């Protein structure tokens, strides 16, 4: 009897109330297609011009392969914590601790960048808006949404994701409606900006843009963070493969607009 009382209480576990749809909405929201197109892709266009289309395709191949690696690891260790759990199990606790530090840095770095990007877009629509306060408000609002119950969070972020996708579809439709060059020229004769004209896009520029594109497509690994909140934990691999749809559609957003 006394031994039972001295036993430490079992740590509380996370509530499993996320289905495939909820995880998919959260994962695609992390990929943030709108912020990738409006914040990250313009940098690719400045570096490689229309060669950014090739860069996005190449990055998509890399990211799809990486997503399958994430799927295998998360199926083997369906534990909340992300990459550092898999690294700790495969390479040891020290490597896992280093990966944890990398994740902390990335998670602290990305929200301000996204917030500043959103504020820059809004200031172009409404001139005179203070960028830094708007960025702080965006980060604060995102934090409040993240504090919601995870299932509610999935549907709230899903609504924002739907708005993003509709906006991007509108841009794609307007671009195709007023296209001035064949789409095939983006692949056969990519050009990049020079001092006063357009020149053929160099492999080095496309390679540099590819490294940026990998960041634009980032977010597919977020599904592994919900391993202990999934109702069907063994379908994590399916989630990762479904998230790859985001990569296939993102390439379409780079068509002439």
C-alpha atoms as a PDB file:
ATOM      1  CA  UNK A   1       0.000   0.000   0.000  1.00  0.00           C
ATOM      2  CA  UNK A   2       2.759   2.401   0.978  1.00  0.00           C
ATOM      3  CA  UNK A   3       4.751   1.454  -2.106  1.00  0.00           C
ATOM      4  CA  UNK A   4       1.800   2.372  -4.289  1.00  0.00           C
ATOM      5  CA  UNK A   5       1.565   5.774  -2.634  1.00  0.00           C
ATOM      6  CA  UNK A   6       5.277   6.419  -3.130  1.00  0.00           C
ATOM      7  CA  UNK A   7       5.140   5.663  -6.838  1.00  0.00           C
ATOM      8  CA  UNK A   8       5.388   8.872  -8.913  1.00  0.00           C
ATOM      9  CA  UNK A   9       2.268   9.824 -10.789  1.00  0.00           C
ATOM     10  CA  UNK A  10       2.249   9.066 -14.477  1.00  0.00           C
ATOM     11  CA  UNK A  11       2.954  12.157 -16.567  1.00  0.00           C
ATOM     12  CA  UNK A  12      -0.126  13.572 -18.276  1.00  0.00           C
ATOM     13  CA  UNK A  13      -0.447  12.569 -21.913  1.00  0.00           C
ATOM     14  CA  UNK A  14      -1.694  14.633 -24.791  1.00  0.00           C
ATOM     15  CA  UNK A  15      -5.290  14.179 -25.877  1.00  0.00           C
ATOM     16  CA  UNK A  16      -5.651  12.296 -29.140  1.00  0.00           C
ATOM     17  CA  UNK A  17      -8.328  14.255 -30.972  1.00  0.00           C
ATOM     18  CA  UNK A  18      -6.733  15.115 -34.324  1.00  0.00           C
ATOM     19  CA  UNK A  19      -7.785  13.256 -37.441  1.00  0.00           C
ATOM     20  CA  UNK A  20      -6.116  13.144 -40.823  1.00  0.00           C
ATOM     21  CA  UNK A  21      -7.914  16.317 -41.945  1.00  0.00           C
ATOM     22  CA  UNK A  22      -6.838  18.277 -38.868  1.00  0.00           C
ATOM     23  CA  UNK A  23      -3.191  17.284 -39.224  1.00  0.00           C
ATOM     24  CA  UNK A  24      -3.265  18.060 -42.928  1.00  0.00           C
ATOM     25  CA  UNK A  25      -4.745  21.526 -42.325  1.00  0.00           C
ATOM     26  CA  UNK A  26      -2.132  22.313 -39.689  1.00  0.00           C
ATOM     27  CA  UNK A  27       0.717  20.994 -41.841  1.00  0.00           C
ATOM     28  CA  UNK A  28      -0.285  22.943 -44.934  1.00  0.00           C
ATOM     29  CA  UNK A  29      -0.806  26.042 -42.770  1.00  0.00           C
ATOM     30  CA  UNK A  30       2.782  25.730 -41.558  1.00  0.00           C
ATOM     31  CA  UNK A  31       3.862  25.580 -45.197  1.00  0.00           C
ATOM     32  CA  UNK A  32       2.068  28.965 -45.557  1.00  0.00           C
ATOM     33  CA  UNK A  33       1.601  29.045 -49.352  1.00  0.00           C
ATOM     34  CA  UNK A  34       0.635  32.731 -49.392  1.00  0.00           C
ATOM     35  CA  UNK A  35       3.620  33.934 -47.380  1.00  0.00           C
ATOM     36  CA  UNK A  36       5.884  31.748 -49.526  1.00  0.00           C
ATOM     37  CA  UNK A  37       4.535  33.316 -52.718  1.00  0.00           C
ATOM     38  CA  UNK A  38       4.382  36.925 -51.540  1.00  0.00           C
ATOM     39  CA  UNK A  39       7.390  37.013 -49.204  1.00  0.00           C
ATOM     40  CA  UNK A  40       9.935  34.399 -50.335  1.00  0.00           C
ATOM     41  CA  UNK A  41       9.295  33.906 -54.064  1.00  0.00           C
ATOM     42  CA  UNK A  42       9.964  37.597 -54.944  1.00  0.00           C
ATOM     43  CA  UNK A  43      13.531  37.061 -53.718  1.00  0.00           C
ATOM     44  CA  UNK A  44      13.808  34.067 -56.035  1.00  0.00           C
ATOM     45  CA  UNK A  45      12.589  36.159 -58.968  1.00  0.00           C
ATOM     46  CA  UNK A  46      15.225  38.790 -58.222  1.00  0.00           C
ATOM     47  CA  UNK A  47      17.950  36.144 -58.140  1.00  0.00           C
ATOM     48  CA  UNK A  48      16.972  33.907 -61.067  1.00  0.00           C
ATOM     49  CA  UNK A  49      14.079  35.596 -62.864  1.00  0.00           C
ATOM     50  CA  UNK A  50      11.910  33.041 -64.646  1.00  0.00           C
ATOM     51  CA  UNK A  51      14.541  30.472 -63.708  1.00  0.00           C
ATOM     52  CA  UNK A  52      12.671  30.425 -60.413  1.00  0.00           C
ATOM     53  CA  UNK A  53      10.283  27.948 -62.041  1.00  0.00           C
ATOM     54  CA  UNK A  54      13.119  25.440 -62.470  1.00  0.00           C
ATOM     55  CA  UNK A  55      14.300  26.260 -58.955  1.00  0.00           C
ATOM     56  CA  UNK A  56      10.871  25.471 -57.538  1.00  0.00           C
ATOM     57  CA  UNK A  57      10.679  22.187 -59.441  1.00  0.00           C
ATOM     58  CA  UNK A  58      14.132  21.117 -58.265  1.00  0.00           C
ATOM     59  CA  UNK A  59      13.355  22.120 -54.693  1.00  0.00           C
ATOM     60  CA  UNK A  60      10.096  20.189 -54.903  1.00  0.00           C
ATOM     61  CA  UNK A  61      12.006  16.999 -55.749  1.00  0.00           C
ATOM     62  CA  UNK A  62      14.322  17.526 -52.781  1.00  0.00           C
ATOM     63  CA  UNK A  63      11.458  18.318 -50.420  1.00  0.00           C
ATOM     64  CA  UNK A  64       9.321  15.365 -51.528  1.00  0.00           C
ATOM     65  CA  UNK A  65      12.248  13.006 -50.903  1.00  0.00           C
ATOM     66  CA  UNK A  66      12.820  14.615 -47.506  1.00  0.00           C
ATOM     67  CA  UNK A  67       9.118  14.308 -46.694  1.00  0.00           C
ATOM     68  CA  UNK A  68       9.276  10.551 -47.249  1.00  0.00           C
ATOM     69  CA  UNK A  69      12.227  10.399 -44.845  1.00  0.00           C
ATOM     70  CA  UNK A  70      10.154  12.300 -42.290  1.00  0.00           C
ATOM     71  CA  UNK A  71       7.305   9.841 -42.894  1.00  0.00           C
ATOM     72  CA  UNK A  72       9.489   6.811 -42.205  1.00  0.00           C
ATOM     73  CA  UNK A  73      11.019   8.325 -39.060  1.00  0.00           C
ATOM     74  CA  UNK A  74       7.692   9.529 -37.674  1.00  0.00           C
ATOM     75  CA  UNK A  75       6.173   6.104 -38.294  1.00  0.00           C
ATOM     76  CA  UNK A  76       9.012   4.498 -36.349  1.00  0.00           C
ATOM     77  CA  UNK A  77       8.840   7.005 -33.468  1.00  0.00           C
ATOM     78  CA  UNK A  78       5.403   8.711 -33.379  1.00  0.00           C
ATOM     79  CA  UNK A  79       6.418  11.056 -30.571  1.00  0.00           C
ATOM     80  CA  UNK A  80       5.684  14.747 -30.263  1.00  0.00           C
ATOM     81  CA  UNK A  81       8.914  16.709 -30.539  1.00  0.00           C
ATOM     82  CA  UNK A  82       9.754  16.693 -34.183  1.00  0.00           C
ATOM     83  CA  UNK A  83      13.142  16.089 -35.707  1.00  0.00           C
ATOM     84  CA  UNK A  84      15.168  15.982 -32.519  1.00  0.00           C
ATOM     85  CA  UNK A  85      13.339  12.846 -31.340  1.00  0.00           C
ATOM     86  CA  UNK A  86      14.282  10.914 -34.470  1.00  0.00           C
ATOM     87  CA  UNK A  87      17.829  12.272 -34.400  1.00  0.00           C
ATOM     88  CA  UNK A  88      18.222  11.324 -30.732  1.00  0.00           C
ATOM     89  CA  UNK A  89      17.017   7.776 -31.422  1.00  0.00           C
ATOM     90  CA  UNK A  90      19.254   7.286 -34.448  1.00  0.00           C
ATOM     91  CA  UNK A  91      22.408   9.279 -33.649  1.00  0.00           C
ATOM     92  CA  UNK A  92      22.331   9.602 -29.871  1.00  0.00           C
ATOM     93  CA  UNK A  93      21.244  12.142 -27.253  1.00  0.00           C
ATOM     94  CA  UNK A  94      23.984  14.682 -27.996  1.00  0.00           C
ATOM     95  CA  UNK A  95      22.994  14.915 -31.654  1.00  0.00           C
ATOM     96  CA  UNK A  96      19.356  15.135 -30.565  1.00  0.00           C
ATOM     97  CA  UNK A  97      20.200  18.027 -28.244  1.00  0.00           C
ATOM     98  CA  UNK A  98      21.944  19.847 -31.092  1.00  0.00           C
ATOM     99  CA  UNK A  99      18.879  19.301 -33.281  1.00  0.00           C
ATOM    100  CA  UNK A 100      16.696  20.669 -30.502  1.00  0.00           C
ATOM    101  CA  UNK A 101      18.798  23.832 -30.496  1.00  0.00           C
ATOM    102  CA  UNK A 102      18.419  24.147 -34.268  1.00  0.00           C
ATOM    103  CA  UNK A 103      14.647  23.807 -33.920  1.00  0.00           C
ATOM    104  CA  UNK A 104      14.530  26.466 -31.216  1.00  0.00           C
ATOM    105  CA  UNK A 105      16.461  28.858 -33.443  1.00  0.00           C
ATOM    106  CA  UNK A 106      14.264  28.149 -36.474  1.00  0.00           C
ATOM    107  CA  UNK A 107      11.045  28.512 -34.501  1.00  0.00           C
ATOM    108  CA  UNK A 108      12.194  31.851 -33.118  1.00  0.00           C
ATOM    109  CA  UNK A 109      13.414  33.083 -36.503  1.00  0.00           C
ATOM    110  CA  UNK A 110      10.535  32.256 -38.842  1.00  0.00           C
ATOM    111  CA  UNK A 111       7.535  34.035 -37.174  1.00  0.00           C
ATOM    112  CA  UNK A 112       9.172  37.504 -37.204  1.00  0.00           C
ATOM    113  CA  UNK A 113      10.231  37.021 -40.836  1.00  0.00           C
ATOM    114  CA  UNK A 114       6.690  36.049 -41.813  1.00  0.00           C
ATOM    115  CA  UNK A 115       5.266  38.931 -39.790  1.00  0.00           C
ATOM    116  CA  UNK A 116       7.560  41.462 -41.472  1.00  0.00           C
ATOM    117  CA  UNK A 117       6.698  40.011 -44.868  1.00  0.00           C
ATOM    118  CA  UNK A 118       2.973  40.324 -44.223  1.00  0.00           C
ATOM    119  CA  UNK A 119       3.384  43.867 -42.966  1.00  0.00           C
ATOM    120  CA  UNK A 120       5.396  44.761 -46.086  1.00  0.00           C
ATOM    121  CA  UNK A 121       2.597  43.440 -48.320  1.00  0.00           C
ATOM    122  CA  UNK A 122      -0.042  45.326 -46.331  1.00  0.00           C
ATOM    123  CA  UNK A 123       1.983  48.554 -46.458  1.00  0.00           C
ATOM    124  CA  UNK A 124       2.074  48.304 -50.246  1.00  0.00           C
ATOM    125  CA  UNK A 125      -1.730  48.102 -50.247  1.00  0.00           C
ATOM    126  CA  UNK A 126      -2.235  50.721 -47.536  1.00  0.00           C
ATOM    127  CA  UNK A 127       0.731  53.122 -47.711  1.00  0.00           C
ATOM    128  CA  UNK A 128       1.787  54.605 -44.424  1.00  0.00           C
ATOM    129  CA  UNK A 129       1.119  51.574 -42.246  1.00  0.00           C
ATOM    130  CA  UNK A 130       3.895  51.117 -39.667  1.00  0.00           C
ATOM    131  CA  UNK A 131       5.597  47.836 -40.592  1.00  0.00           C
ATOM    132  CA  UNK A 132       7.105  46.858 -37.241  1.00  0.00           C
ATOM    133  CA  UNK A 133       3.915  47.324 -35.142  1.00  0.00           C
ATOM    134  CA  UNK A 134       1.920  45.422 -37.772  1.00  0.00           C
ATOM    135  CA  UNK A 135       4.482  42.600 -37.713  1.00  0.00           C
ATOM    136  CA  UNK A 136       4.312  42.464 -33.914  1.00  0.00           C
ATOM    137  CA  UNK A 137       0.520  42.321 -34.084  1.00  0.00           C
ATOM    138  CA  UNK A 138       0.680  39.451 -36.597  1.00  0.00           C
ATOM    139  CA  UNK A 139       3.037  37.451 -34.384  1.00  0.00           C
ATOM    140  CA  UNK A 140       0.934  38.171 -31.301  1.00  0.00           C
ATOM    141  CA  UNK A 141      -2.259  37.121 -33.067  1.00  0.00           C
ATOM    142  CA  UNK A 142      -0.614  33.915 -34.278  1.00  0.00           C
ATOM    143  CA  UNK A 143       0.492  33.174 -30.731  1.00  0.00           C
ATOM    144  CA  UNK A 144      -3.058  33.596 -29.420  1.00  0.00           C
ATOM    145  CA  UNK A 145      -4.372  31.218 -32.079  1.00  0.00           C
ATOM    146  CA  UNK A 146      -1.675  28.697 -31.142  1.00  0.00           C
ATOM    147  CA  UNK A 147      -2.930  28.730 -27.529  1.00  0.00           C
ATOM    148  CA  UNK A 148      -6.306  27.360 -28.587  1.00  0.00           C
ATOM    149  CA  UNK A 149      -7.242  23.716 -28.171  1.00  0.00           C
ATOM    150  CA  UNK A 150      -5.435  21.818 -30.915  1.00  0.00           C
ATOM    151  CA  UNK A 151      -8.579  20.674 -32.744  1.00  0.00           C
ATOM    152  CA  UNK A 152     -10.012  24.211 -32.732  1.00  0.00           C
ATOM    153  CA  UNK A 153      -6.616  25.473 -33.836  1.00  0.00           C
ATOM    154  CA  UNK A 154      -6.696  23.124 -36.822  1.00  0.00           C
ATOM    155  CA  UNK A 155     -10.018  24.489 -38.058  1.00  0.00           C
ATOM    156  CA  UNK A 156      -9.094  28.141 -37.429  1.00  0.00           C
ATOM    157  CA  UNK A 157      -5.854  27.762 -39.356  1.00  0.00           C
ATOM    158  CA  UNK A 158      -7.792  25.820 -41.985  1.00  0.00           C
ATOM    159  CA  UNK A 159     -10.035  28.836 -42.562  1.00  0.00           C
ATOM    160  CA  UNK A 160      -6.987  31.064 -43.033  1.00  0.00           C
ATOM    161  CA  UNK A 161      -5.488  28.444 -45.347  1.00  0.00           C
ATOM    162  CA  UNK A 162      -8.651  28.466 -47.468  1.00  0.00           C
ATOM    163  CA  UNK A 163      -8.450  32.268 -47.765  1.00  0.00           C
ATOM    164  CA  UNK A 164      -4.792  31.995 -48.815  1.00  0.00           C
ATOM    165  CA  UNK A 165      -5.529  29.391 -51.464  1.00  0.00           C
ATOM    166  CA  UNK A 166      -8.463  31.396 -52.866  1.00  0.00           C
ATOM    167  CA  UNK A 167      -6.285  34.500 -53.115  1.00  0.00           C
ATOM    168  CA  UNK A 168      -3.558  32.578 -54.908  1.00  0.00           C
ATOM    169  CA  UNK A 169      -6.045  30.955 -57.282  1.00  0.00           C
ATOM    170  CA  UNK A 170      -7.362  34.420 -58.121  1.00  0.00           C
ATOM    171  CA  UNK A 171      -3.833  35.608 -58.921  1.00  0.00           C
ATOM    172  CA  UNK A 172      -3.172  32.548 -61.096  1.00  0.00           C
ATOM    173  CA  UNK A 173      -6.449  33.066 -62.970  1.00  0.00           C
ATOM    174  CA  UNK A 174      -5.673  36.748 -63.581  1.00  0.00           C
ATOM    175  CA  UNK A 175      -2.179  35.846 -64.747  1.00  0.00           C
ATOM    176  CA  UNK A 176      -3.350  33.286 -67.268  1.00  0.00           C
ATOM    177  CA  UNK A 177      -6.068  35.642 -68.461  1.00  0.00           C
ATOM    178  CA  UNK A 178      -3.437  38.242 -69.407  1.00  0.00           C
ATOM    179  CA  UNK A 179      -0.469  36.036 -70.321  1.00  0.00           C
ATOM    180  CA  UNK A 180       1.988  37.631 -72.740  1.00  0.00           C
ATOM    181  CA  UNK A 181       4.414  34.697 -73.147  1.00  0.00           C
ATOM    182  CA  UNK A 182       3.898  30.948 -73.573  1.00  0.00           C
ATOM    183  CA  UNK A 183       4.313  29.003 -70.366  1.00  0.00           C
ATOM    184  CA  UNK A 184       6.847  26.709 -72.014  1.00  0.00           C
ATOM    185  CA  UNK A 185       9.342  29.578 -72.349  1.00  0.00           C
ATOM    186  CA  UNK A 186       9.726  29.607 -68.574  1.00  0.00           C
ATOM    187  CA  UNK A 187      11.267  26.142 -68.857  1.00  0.00           C
ATOM    188  CA  UNK A 188      12.989  26.290 -72.234  1.00  0.00           C
ATOM    189  CA  UNK A 189      14.402  29.848 -72.120  1.00  0.00           C
ATOM    190  CA  UNK A 190      14.549  31.110 -68.529  1.00  0.00           C
ATOM    191  CA  UNK A 191      15.830  34.652 -68.182  1.00  0.00           C
ATOM    192  CA  UNK A 192      17.060  36.699 -65.237  1.00  0.00           C
ATOM    193  CA  UNK A 193      17.376  40.452 -64.651  1.00  0.00           C
ATOM    194  CA  UNK A 194      20.678  42.162 -65.380  1.00  0.00           C
ATOM    195  CA  UNK A 195      21.784  45.781 -65.136  1.00  0.00           C
ATOM    196  CA  UNK A 196      19.571  47.074 -67.936  1.00  0.00           C
ATOM    197  CA  UNK A 197      18.090  44.029 -69.659  1.00  0.00           C
ATOM    198  CA  UNK A 198      17.197  40.364 -69.332  1.00  0.00           C
ATOM    199  CA  UNK A 199      19.860  37.707 -69.829  1.00  0.00           C
ATOM    200  CA  UNK A 200      19.678  33.885 -69.858  1.00  0.00           C
ATOM    201  CA  UNK A 201      19.380  32.543 -66.326  1.00  0.00           C
ATOM    202  CA  UNK A 202      22.642  30.955 -65.237  1.00  0.00           C
ATOM    203  CA  UNK A 203      22.842  27.558 -63.492  1.00  0.00           C
ATOM    204  CA  UNK A 204      24.426  29.283 -60.506  1.00  0.00           C
ATOM    205  CA  UNK A 205      21.484  31.666 -60.182  1.00  0.00           C
ATOM    206  CA  UNK A 206      18.995  28.810 -60.488  1.00  0.00           C
ATOM    207  CA  UNK A 207      20.942  26.854 -57.876  1.00  0.00           C
ATOM    208  CA  UNK A 208      20.868  29.805 -55.489  1.00  0.00           C
ATOM    209  CA  UNK A 209      17.163  30.243 -56.086  1.00  0.00           C
ATOM    210  CA  UNK A 210      16.678  26.527 -55.402  1.00  0.00           C
ATOM    211  CA  UNK A 211      18.096  26.945 -51.912  1.00  0.00           C
ATOM    212  CA  UNK A 212      15.570  29.732 -51.336  1.00  0.00           C
ATOM    213  CA  UNK A 213      12.793  27.580 -52.800  1.00  0.00           C
ATOM    214  CA  UNK A 214      13.502  24.829 -50.268  1.00  0.00           C
ATOM    215  CA  UNK A 215      12.749  27.366 -47.555  1.00  0.00           C
ATOM    216  CA  UNK A 216       9.602  28.453 -49.428  1.00  0.00           C
ATOM    217  CA  UNK A 217       8.351  24.846 -49.454  1.00  0.00           C
ATOM    218  CA  UNK A 218       9.310  24.214 -45.842  1.00  0.00           C
ATOM    219  CA  UNK A 219       6.651  23.091 -43.378  1.00  0.00           C
ATOM    220  CA  UNK A 220       5.900  19.559 -44.544  1.00  0.00           C
ATOM    221  CA  UNK A 221       7.709  18.131 -41.524  1.00  0.00           C
ATOM    222  CA  UNK A 222       5.220  19.673 -39.111  1.00  0.00           C
ATOM    223  CA  UNK A 223       3.059  16.538 -39.217  1.00  0.00           C
ATOM    224  CA  UNK A 224       5.596  14.697 -37.047  1.00  0.00           C
ATOM    225  CA  UNK A 225       4.912  17.134 -34.201  1.00  0.00           C
ATOM    226  CA  UNK A 226       1.380  15.799 -33.814  1.00  0.00           C
ATOM    227  CA  UNK A 227       2.322  12.150 -33.316  1.00  0.00           C
ATOM    228  CA  UNK A 228       0.831  12.039 -29.800  1.00  0.00           C
ATOM    229  CA  UNK A 229      -2.320  13.945 -30.726  1.00  0.00           C
ATOM    230  CA  UNK A 230      -3.333  11.801 -33.687  1.00  0.00           C
ATOM    231  CA  UNK A 231      -6.316   9.475 -33.582  1.00  0.00           C
ATOM    232  CA  UNK A 232      -4.761   7.210 -36.208  1.00  0.00           C
ATOM    233  CA  UNK A 233      -1.091   7.486 -35.369  1.00  0.00           C
ATOM    234  CA  UNK A 234      -0.005   4.853 -37.891  1.00  0.00           C
ATOM    235  CA  UNK A 235      -1.241   7.036 -40.770  1.00  0.00           C
ATOM    236  CA  UNK A 236       1.426   9.669 -40.209  1.00  0.00           C
ATOM    237  CA  UNK A 237       3.079   8.573 -43.444  1.00  0.00           C
ATOM    238  CA  UNK A 238      -0.140   9.242 -45.324  1.00  0.00           C
ATOM    239  CA  UNK A 239      -0.222  12.742 -43.862  1.00  0.00           C
ATOM    240  CA  UNK A 240       3.282  13.424 -45.081  1.00  0.00           C
ATOM    241  CA  UNK A 241       2.457  12.186 -48.556  1.00  0.00           C
ATOM    242  CA  UNK A 242      -0.720  14.276 -48.606  1.00  0.00           C
ATOM    243  CA  UNK A 243       1.288  17.333 -47.614  1.00  0.00           C
ATOM    244  CA  UNK A 244       3.351  16.816 -50.768  1.00  0.00           C
ATOM    245  CA  UNK A 245       0.306  18.093 -52.679  1.00  0.00           C
ATOM    246  CA  UNK A 246       1.357  21.524 -51.467  1.00  0.00           C
ATOM    247  CA  UNK A 247       4.635  21.240 -53.386  1.00  0.00           C
ATOM    248  CA  UNK A 248       2.905  20.248 -56.617  1.00  0.00           C
ATOM    249  CA  UNK A 249       0.498  23.176 -56.418  1.00  0.00           C
ATOM    250  CA  UNK A 250       3.090  25.724 -55.352  1.00  0.00           C
ATOM    251  CA  UNK A 251       4.829  25.401 -58.707  1.00  0.00           C
ATOM    252  CA  UNK A 252       1.649  26.568 -60.397  1.00  0.00           C
ATOM    253  CA  UNK A 253       1.726  29.830 -58.469  1.00  0.00           C
ATOM    254  CA  UNK A 254       4.857  30.857 -60.333  1.00  0.00           C
ATOM    255  CA  UNK A 255       3.091  30.941 -63.676  1.00  0.00           C
ATOM    256  CA  UNK A 256       2.869  34.366 -65.410  1.00  0.00           C
ATOM    257  CA  UNK A 257       0.855  36.877 -63.424  1.00  0.00           C
END
